[in-house]
PDB file of N, CA and C in Angstrom:
ATOM      1  N   MET A   1      11.048   2.545  82.426  1.00  0.00           N
ATOM      2  CA  MET A   1      10.409   3.718  81.874  1.00  0.00           C
ATOM      3  C   MET A   1      10.834   4.975  82.635  1.00  0.00           C
ATOM      4  N   PHE A   2      10.756   4.937  83.972  1.00  0.00           N
ATOM      5  CA  PHE A   2      11.190   6.076  84.783  1.00  0.00           C
ATOM      6  C   PHE A   2      12.634   5.889  85.207  1.00  0.00           C
ATOM      7  N   THR A   3      13.361   6.959  85.229  1.00  0.00           N
ATOM      8  CA  THR A   3      14.720   6.896  85.738  1.00  0.00           C
ATOM      9  C   THR A   3      14.688   7.176  87.236  1.00  0.00           C
ATOM     10  N   GLY A   4      15.805   7.017  87.876  1.00  0.00           N
ATOM     11  CA  GLY A   4      15.890   7.273  89.308  1.00  0.00           C
ATOM     12  C   GLY A   4      15.593   8.720  89.652  1.00  0.00           C
ATOM     13  N   VAL A   5      16.010   9.636  88.799  1.00  0.00           N
ATOM     14  CA  VAL A   5      15.758  11.062  89.032  1.00  0.00           C
ATOM     15  C   VAL A   5      14.268  11.362  88.942  1.00  0.00           C
ATOM     16  N   ALA A   6      13.595  10.796  87.958  1.00  0.00           N
ATOM     17  CA  ALA A   6      12.163  11.033  87.789  1.00  0.00           C
ATOM     18  C   ALA A   6      11.386  10.494  88.985  1.00  0.00           C
ATOM     19  N   ILE A   7      11.748   9.323  89.447  1.00  0.00           N
ATOM     20  CA  ILE A   7      11.072   8.745  90.616  1.00  0.00           C
ATOM     21  C   ILE A   7      11.326   9.613  91.844  1.00  0.00           C
ATOM     22  N   GLY A   8      12.547  10.100  91.984  1.00  0.00           N
ATOM     23  CA  GLY A   8      12.870  10.983  93.102  1.00  0.00           C
ATOM     24  C   GLY A   8      12.068  12.274  93.060  1.00  0.00           C
ATOM     25  N   LEU A   9      11.901  12.846  91.871  1.00  0.00           N
ATOM     26  CA  LEU A   9      11.113  14.067  91.739  1.00  0.00           C
ATOM     27  C   LEU A   9       9.636  13.830  92.046  1.00  0.00           C
ATOM     28  N   VAL A  10       9.117  12.693  91.623  1.00  0.00           N
ATOM     29  CA  VAL A  10       7.722  12.361  91.924  1.00  0.00           C
ATOM     30  C   VAL A  10       7.549  12.187  93.428  1.00  0.00           C
ATOM     31  N   LEU A  11       8.476  11.503  94.078  1.00  0.00           N
ATOM     32  CA  LEU A  11       8.402  11.333  95.535  1.00  0.00           C
ATOM     33  C   LEU A  11       8.507  12.677  96.257  1.00  0.00           C
ATOM     34  N   LEU A  12       9.406  13.531  95.797  1.00  0.00           N
ATOM     35  CA  LEU A  12       9.551  14.858  96.391  1.00  0.00           C
ATOM     36  C   LEU A  12       8.271  15.673  96.230  1.00  0.00           C
ATOM     37  N   TYR A  13       7.659  15.587  95.071  1.00  0.00           N
ATOM     38  CA  TYR A  13       6.379  16.265  94.815  1.00  0.00           C
ATOM     39  C   TYR A  13       5.324  15.804  95.809  1.00  0.00           C
ATOM     40  N   TRP A  14       5.184  14.492  95.989  1.00  0.00           N
ATOM     41  CA  TRP A  14       4.171  13.963  96.904  1.00  0.00           C
ATOM     42  C   TRP A  14       4.475  14.301  98.355  1.00  0.00           C
ATOM     43  N   ILE A  15       5.743  14.359  98.709  1.00  0.00           N
ATOM     44  CA  ILE A  15       6.106  14.764 100.074  1.00  0.00           C
ATOM     45  C   ILE A  15       5.678  16.203 100.321  1.00  0.00           C
ATOM     46  N   PHE A  16       5.920  17.094  99.350  1.00  0.00           N
ATOM     47  CA  PHE A  16       5.484  18.491  99.496  1.00  0.00           C
ATOM     48  C   PHE A  16       3.963  18.590  99.596  1.00  0.00           C
ATOM     49  N   ILE A  17       3.245  17.821  98.813  1.00  0.00           N
ATOM     50  CA  ILE A  17       1.781  17.819  98.852  1.00  0.00           C
ATOM     51  C   ILE A  17       1.291  17.366 100.223  1.00  0.00           C
ATOM     52  N   ILE A  18       1.843  16.287 100.734  1.00  0.00           N
ATOM     53  CA  ILE A  18       1.407  15.750 102.029  1.00  0.00           C
ATOM     54  C   ILE A  18       1.759  16.701 103.159  1.00  0.00           C
ATOM     55  N   VAL A  19       2.972  17.237 103.161  1.00  0.00           N
ATOM     56  CA  VAL A  19       3.386  18.180 104.216  1.00  0.00           C
ATOM     57  C   VAL A  19       2.527  19.447 104.153  1.00  0.00           C
ATOM     58  N   GLY A  20       2.247  19.939 102.963  1.00  0.00           N
ATOM     59  CA  GLY A  20       1.392  21.117 102.814  1.00  0.00           C
ATOM     60  C   GLY A  20      -0.012  20.867 103.338  1.00  0.00           C
ATOM     61  N   PHE A  21      -0.564  19.688 103.046  1.00  0.00           N
ATOM     62  CA  PHE A  21      -1.904  19.357 103.530  1.00  0.00           C
ATOM     63  C   PHE A  21      -1.929  19.218 105.047  1.00  0.00           C
ATOM     64  N   VAL A  22      -0.920  18.573 105.623  1.00  0.00           N
ATOM     65  CA  VAL A  22      -0.859  18.412 107.078  1.00  0.00           C
ATOM     66  C   VAL A  22      -0.732  19.774 107.753  1.00  0.00           C
ATOM     67  N   LEU A  23       0.122  20.645 107.227  1.00  0.00           N
ATOM     68  CA  LEU A  23       0.262  21.997 107.774  1.00  0.00           C
ATOM     69  C   LEU A  23      -1.056  22.751 107.676  1.00  0.00           C
ATOM     70  N   TRP A  24      -1.712  22.664 106.516  1.00  0.00           N
ATOM     71  CA  TRP A  24      -2.997  23.340 106.306  1.00  0.00           C
ATOM     72  C   TRP A  24      -4.032  22.860 107.319  1.00  0.00           C
ATOM     73  N   LEU A  25      -4.139  21.552 107.485  1.00  0.00           N
ATOM     74  CA  LEU A  25      -5.120  20.994 108.413  1.00  0.00           C
ATOM     75  C   LEU A  25      -4.792  21.373 109.853  1.00  0.00           C
ATOM     76  N   TRP A  26      -3.518  21.319 110.230  1.00  0.00           N
ATOM     77  CA  TRP A  26      -3.090  21.662 111.589  1.00  0.00           C
ATOM     78  C   TRP A  26      -3.420  23.122 111.907  1.00  0.00           C
ATOM     79  N   MET A  27      -3.105  24.034 110.991  1.00  0.00           N
ATOM     80  CA  MET A  27      -3.367  25.448 111.243  1.00  0.00           C
ATOM     81  C   MET A  27      -4.867  25.751 111.243  1.00  0.00           C
ATOM     82  N   LEU A  28      -5.633  25.065 110.402  1.00  0.00           N
ATOM     83  CA  LEU A  28      -7.080  25.264 110.397  1.00  0.00           C
ATOM     84  C   LEU A  28      -7.690  24.808 111.720  1.00  0.00           C
ATOM     85  N   ILE A  29      -7.293  23.651 112.202  1.00  0.00           N
ATOM     86  CA  ILE A  29      -7.788  23.155 113.493  1.00  0.00           C
ATOM     87  C   ILE A  29      -7.334  24.067 114.620  1.00  0.00           C
ATOM     88  N   ASP A  30      -6.084  24.505 114.581  1.00  0.00           N
ATOM     89  CA  ASP A  30      -5.561  25.415 115.601  1.00  0.00           C
ATOM     90  C   ASP A  30      -6.360  26.711 115.623  1.00  0.00           C
ATOM     91  N   CYS A  31      -6.644  27.258 114.459  1.00  0.00           N
ATOM     92  CA  CYS A  31      -7.401  28.505 114.372  1.00  0.00           C
ATOM     93  C   CYS A  31      -8.812  28.326 114.903  1.00  0.00           C
ATOM     94  N   ILE A  32      -9.477  27.277 114.494  1.00  0.00           N
ATOM     95  CA  ILE A  32     -10.870  27.071 114.886  1.00  0.00           C
ATOM     96  C   ILE A  32     -11.001  26.780 116.376  1.00  0.00           C
ATOM     97  N   THR A  33     -10.059  26.049 116.945  1.00  0.00           N
ATOM     98  CA  THR A  33     -10.196  25.651 118.346  1.00  0.00           C
ATOM     99  C   THR A  33      -9.590  26.635 119.335  1.00  0.00           C
ATOM    100  N   LYS A  34      -8.569  27.392 118.937  1.00  0.00           N
ATOM    101  CA  LYS A  34      -7.848  28.208 119.913  1.00  0.00           C
ATOM    102  C   LYS A  34      -7.894  29.709 119.680  1.00  0.00           C
ATOM    103  N   GLU A  35      -8.338  30.120 118.526  1.00  0.00           N
ATOM    104  CA  GLU A  35      -8.428  31.560 118.244  1.00  0.00           C
ATOM    105  C   GLU A  35      -9.592  32.143 119.044  1.00  0.00           C
ATOM    106  N   PRO A  36      -9.375  33.243 119.774  1.00  0.00           N
ATOM    107  CA  PRO A  36     -10.484  33.841 120.533  1.00  0.00           C
ATOM    108  C   PRO A  36     -11.575  34.352 119.595  1.00  0.00           C
ATOM    109  N   SER A  37     -12.803  34.301 120.075  1.00  0.00           N
ATOM    110  CA  SER A  37     -13.948  34.693 119.246  1.00  0.00           C
ATOM    111  C   SER A  37     -14.295  36.164 119.414  1.00  0.00           C
ATOM    112  N   GLU A  38     -13.303  37.012 119.443  1.00  0.00           N
ATOM    113  CA  GLU A  38     -13.529  38.452 119.558  1.00  0.00           C
ATOM    114  C   GLU A  38     -13.669  39.035 118.159  1.00  0.00           C
ATOM    115  N   GLY A  39     -14.823  39.625 117.894  1.00  0.00           N
ATOM    116  CA  GLY A  39     -15.043  40.189 116.567  1.00  0.00           C
ATOM    117  C   GLY A  39     -15.105  39.086 115.524  1.00  0.00           C
ATOM    118  N   ASN A  40     -14.551  39.364 114.373  1.00  0.00           N
ATOM    119  CA  ASN A  40     -14.576  38.400 113.272  1.00  0.00           C
ATOM    120  C   ASN A  40     -13.211  37.775 113.022  1.00  0.00           C
ATOM    121  N   ASP A  41     -12.287  37.908 113.958  1.00  0.00           N
ATOM    122  CA  ASP A  41     -10.930  37.406 113.731  1.00  0.00           C
ATOM    123  C   ASP A  41     -10.902  35.921 113.392  1.00  0.00           C
ATOM    124  N   LYS A  42     -11.610  35.113 114.155  1.00  0.00           N
ATOM    125  CA  LYS A  42     -11.588  33.666 113.927  1.00  0.00           C
ATOM    126  C   LYS A  42     -12.105  33.336 112.529  1.00  0.00           C
ATOM    127  N   ILE A  43     -13.203  33.960 112.136  1.00  0.00           N
ATOM    128  CA  ILE A  43     -13.792  33.677 110.823  1.00  0.00           C
ATOM    129  C   ILE A  43     -12.857  34.126 109.705  1.00  0.00           C
ATOM    130  N   VAL A  44     -12.284  35.308 109.848  1.00  0.00           N
ATOM    131  CA  VAL A  44     -11.395  35.829 108.812  1.00  0.00           C
ATOM    132  C   VAL A  44     -10.167  34.936 108.664  1.00  0.00           C
ATOM    133  N   TRP A  45      -9.545  34.568 109.777  1.00  0.00           N
ATOM    134  CA  TRP A  45      -8.367  33.711 109.694  1.00  0.00           C
ATOM    135  C   TRP A  45      -8.707  32.340 109.132  1.00  0.00           C
ATOM    136  N   ALA A  46      -9.844  31.783 109.519  1.00  0.00           N
ATOM    137  CA  ALA A  46     -10.244  30.482 108.970  1.00  0.00           C
ATOM    138  C   ALA A  46     -10.449  30.579 107.462  1.00  0.00           C
ATOM    139  N   LEU A  47     -11.059  31.656 106.993  1.00  0.00           N
ATOM    140  CA  LEU A  47     -11.253  31.827 105.555  1.00  0.00           C
ATOM    141  C   LEU A  47      -9.928  32.021 104.813  1.00  0.00           C
ATOM    142  N   VAL A  48      -9.008  32.761 105.424  1.00  0.00           N
ATOM    143  CA  VAL A  48      -7.679  32.922 104.818  1.00  0.00           C
ATOM    144  C   VAL A  48      -7.002  31.560 104.673  1.00  0.00           C
ATOM    145  N   ILE A  49      -7.063  30.755 105.719  1.00  0.00           N
ATOM    146  CA  ILE A  49      -6.430  29.435 105.681  1.00  0.00           C
ATOM    147  C   ILE A  49      -7.115  28.538 104.656  1.00  0.00           C
ATOM    148  N   ILE A  50      -8.438  28.558 104.621  1.00  0.00           N
ATOM    149  CA  ILE A  50      -9.180  27.690 103.698  1.00  0.00           C
ATOM    150  C   ILE A  50      -8.918  28.068 102.251  1.00  0.00           C
ATOM    151  N   PHE A  51      -9.035  29.350 101.926  1.00  0.00           N
ATOM    152  CA  PHE A  51      -8.955  29.747 100.522  1.00  0.00           C
ATOM    153  C   PHE A  51      -7.534  29.867  99.978  1.00  0.00           C
ATOM    154  N   LEU A  52      -6.566  30.135 100.841  1.00  0.00           N
ATOM    155  CA  LEU A  52      -5.187  30.240 100.357  1.00  0.00           C
ATOM    156  C   LEU A  52      -4.398  28.951 100.522  1.00  0.00           C
ATOM    157  N   GLY A  53      -5.004  27.947 101.139  1.00  0.00           N
ATOM    158  CA  GLY A  53      -4.365  26.646 101.273  1.00  0.00           C
ATOM    159  C   GLY A  53      -3.106  26.707 102.133  1.00  0.00           C
ATOM    160  N   PRO A  54      -2.077  25.986 101.728  1.00  0.00           N
ATOM    161  CA  PRO A  54      -0.840  25.973 102.510  1.00  0.00           C
ATOM    162  C   PRO A  54      -0.210  27.359 102.670  1.00  0.00           C
ATOM    163  N   LEU A  55      -0.380  28.230 101.685  1.00  0.00           N
ATOM    164  CA  LEU A  55       0.146  29.591 101.812  1.00  0.00           C
ATOM    165  C   LEU A  55      -0.581  30.327 102.938  1.00  0.00           C
ATOM    166  N   GLY A  56      -1.887  30.194 103.006  1.00  0.00           N
ATOM    167  CA  GLY A  56      -2.656  30.793 104.093  1.00  0.00           C
ATOM    168  C   GLY A  56      -2.276  30.221 105.441  1.00  0.00           C
ATOM    169  N   ALA A  57      -1.983  28.910 105.473  1.00  0.00           N
ATOM    170  CA  ALA A  57      -1.550  28.277 106.716  1.00  0.00           C
ATOM    171  C   ALA A  57      -0.204  28.841 107.168  1.00  0.00           C
ATOM    172  N   LEU A  58       0.703  29.066 106.229  1.00  0.00           N
ATOM    173  CA  LEU A  58       1.997  29.655 106.575  1.00  0.00           C
ATOM    174  C   LEU A  58       1.841  31.094 107.059  1.00  0.00           C
ATOM    175  N   ILE A  59       0.958  31.845 106.416  1.00  0.00           N
ATOM    176  CA  ILE A  59       0.720  33.222 106.855  1.00  0.00           C
ATOM    177  C   ILE A  59       0.192  33.228 108.280  1.00  0.00           C
ATOM    178  N   TYR A  60      -0.765  32.352 108.566  1.00  0.00           N
ATOM    179  CA  TYR A  60      -1.318  32.257 109.919  1.00  0.00           C
ATOM    180  C   TYR A  60      -0.245  31.818 110.913  1.00  0.00           C
ATOM    181  N   LEU A  61       0.554  30.841 110.522  1.00  0.00           N
ATOM    182  CA  LEU A  61       1.595  30.307 111.405  1.00  0.00           C
ATOM    183  C   LEU A  61       2.585  31.385 111.822  1.00  0.00           C
ATOM    184  N   PHE A  62       3.008  32.218 110.881  1.00  0.00           N
ATOM    185  CA  PHE A  62       4.039  33.211 111.194  1.00  0.00           C
ATOM    186  C   PHE A  62       3.493  34.577 111.603  1.00  0.00           C
ATOM    187  N   ALA A  63       2.292  34.926 111.158  1.00  0.00           N
ATOM    188  CA  ALA A  63       1.769  36.261 111.448  1.00  0.00           C
ATOM    189  C   ALA A  63       0.883  36.291 112.694  1.00  0.00           C
ATOM    190  N   ARG A  64       0.007  35.341 112.845  1.00  0.00           N
ATOM    191  CA  ARG A  64      -0.979  35.435 113.914  1.00  0.00           C
ATOM    192  C   ARG A  64      -0.686  34.525 115.104  1.00  0.00           C
ATOM    193  N   ARG A  65      -0.270  33.312 114.856  1.00  0.00           N
ATOM    194  CA  ARG A  65      -0.133  32.343 115.941  1.00  0.00           C
ATOM    195  C   ARG A  65       0.807  32.803 117.049  1.00  0.00           C
ATOM    196  N   PRO A  66       1.995  33.348 116.747  1.00  0.00           N
ATOM    197  CA  PRO A  66       2.871  33.812 117.849  1.00  0.00           C
ATOM    198  C   PRO A  66       2.239  34.934 118.665  1.00  0.00           C
ATOM    199  N   LYS A  67       1.526  35.857 118.009  1.00  0.00           N
ATOM    200  CA  LYS A  67       0.874  36.943 118.741  1.00  0.00           C
ATOM    201  C   LYS A  67      -0.224  36.401 119.642  1.00  0.00           C
ATOM    202  N   ARG A  68      -0.998  35.442 119.133  1.00  0.00           N
ATOM    203  CA  ARG A  68      -2.070  34.856 119.932  1.00  0.00           C
ATOM    204  C   ARG A  68      -1.509  34.124 121.140  1.00  0.00           C
ATOM    205  N   LYS A  69      -0.449  33.369 120.939  1.00  0.00           N
ATOM    206  CA  LYS A  69       0.162  32.632 122.048  1.00  0.00           C
ATOM    207  C   LYS A  69       0.704  33.603 123.102  1.00  0.00           C
ATOM    208  N   GLN A  70       1.247  34.723 122.657  1.00  0.00           N
ATOM    209  CA  GLN A  70       1.778  35.710 123.587  1.00  0.00           C
ATOM    210  C   GLN A  70       0.652  36.403 124.340  1.00  0.00           C
ATOM    211  N   GLN A  71      -0.442  36.749 123.671  1.00  0.00           N
ATOM    212  CA  GLN A  71      -1.541  37.465 124.289  1.00  0.00           C
ATOM    213  C   GLN A  71      -2.372  36.563 125.204  1.00  0.00           C
ATOM    214  N   TYR A  72      -2.706  35.371 124.732  1.00  0.00           N
ATOM    215  CA  TYR A  72      -3.659  34.548 125.439  1.00  0.00           C
ATOM    216  C   TYR A  72      -3.043  33.293 126.058  1.00  0.00           C
ATOM    217  N   GLY A  73      -1.812  33.009 125.736  1.00  0.00           N
ATOM    218  CA  GLY A  73      -1.147  31.836 126.300  1.00  0.00           C
ATOM    219  C   GLY A  73      -1.671  30.523 125.765  1.00  0.00           C
ATOM    220  N   LYS A  74      -2.346  30.547 124.617  1.00  0.00           N
ATOM    221  CA  LYS A  74      -2.887  29.316 124.023  1.00  0.00           C
ATOM    222  C   LYS A  74      -2.101  28.953 122.813  1.00  0.00           C
TER     223      LYS A  74
END
C-alpha cells in the first residue's frame, strides 16, 4: 500500500515532531530552572515557549539563552 517514499516521508515527519518536542521541553526546563527571576522575564519567556511551541523554543534558544549565559554564566 505504501511505497518507500511515502514511508520515508512519514518517518521524516515523526522525526521532526519528536525533535521539535524534545527541543521545546529542553528550552522550557532550561528557562524555568536557569532564567533569573528579575522582573517578569522568566514568566514571559516561559509563556513564549509554551504558546509558540518549537518556534518559541528556537526564539529562546537563539535570542535569550546566549545573552543569559554571558551575563550570568548559567
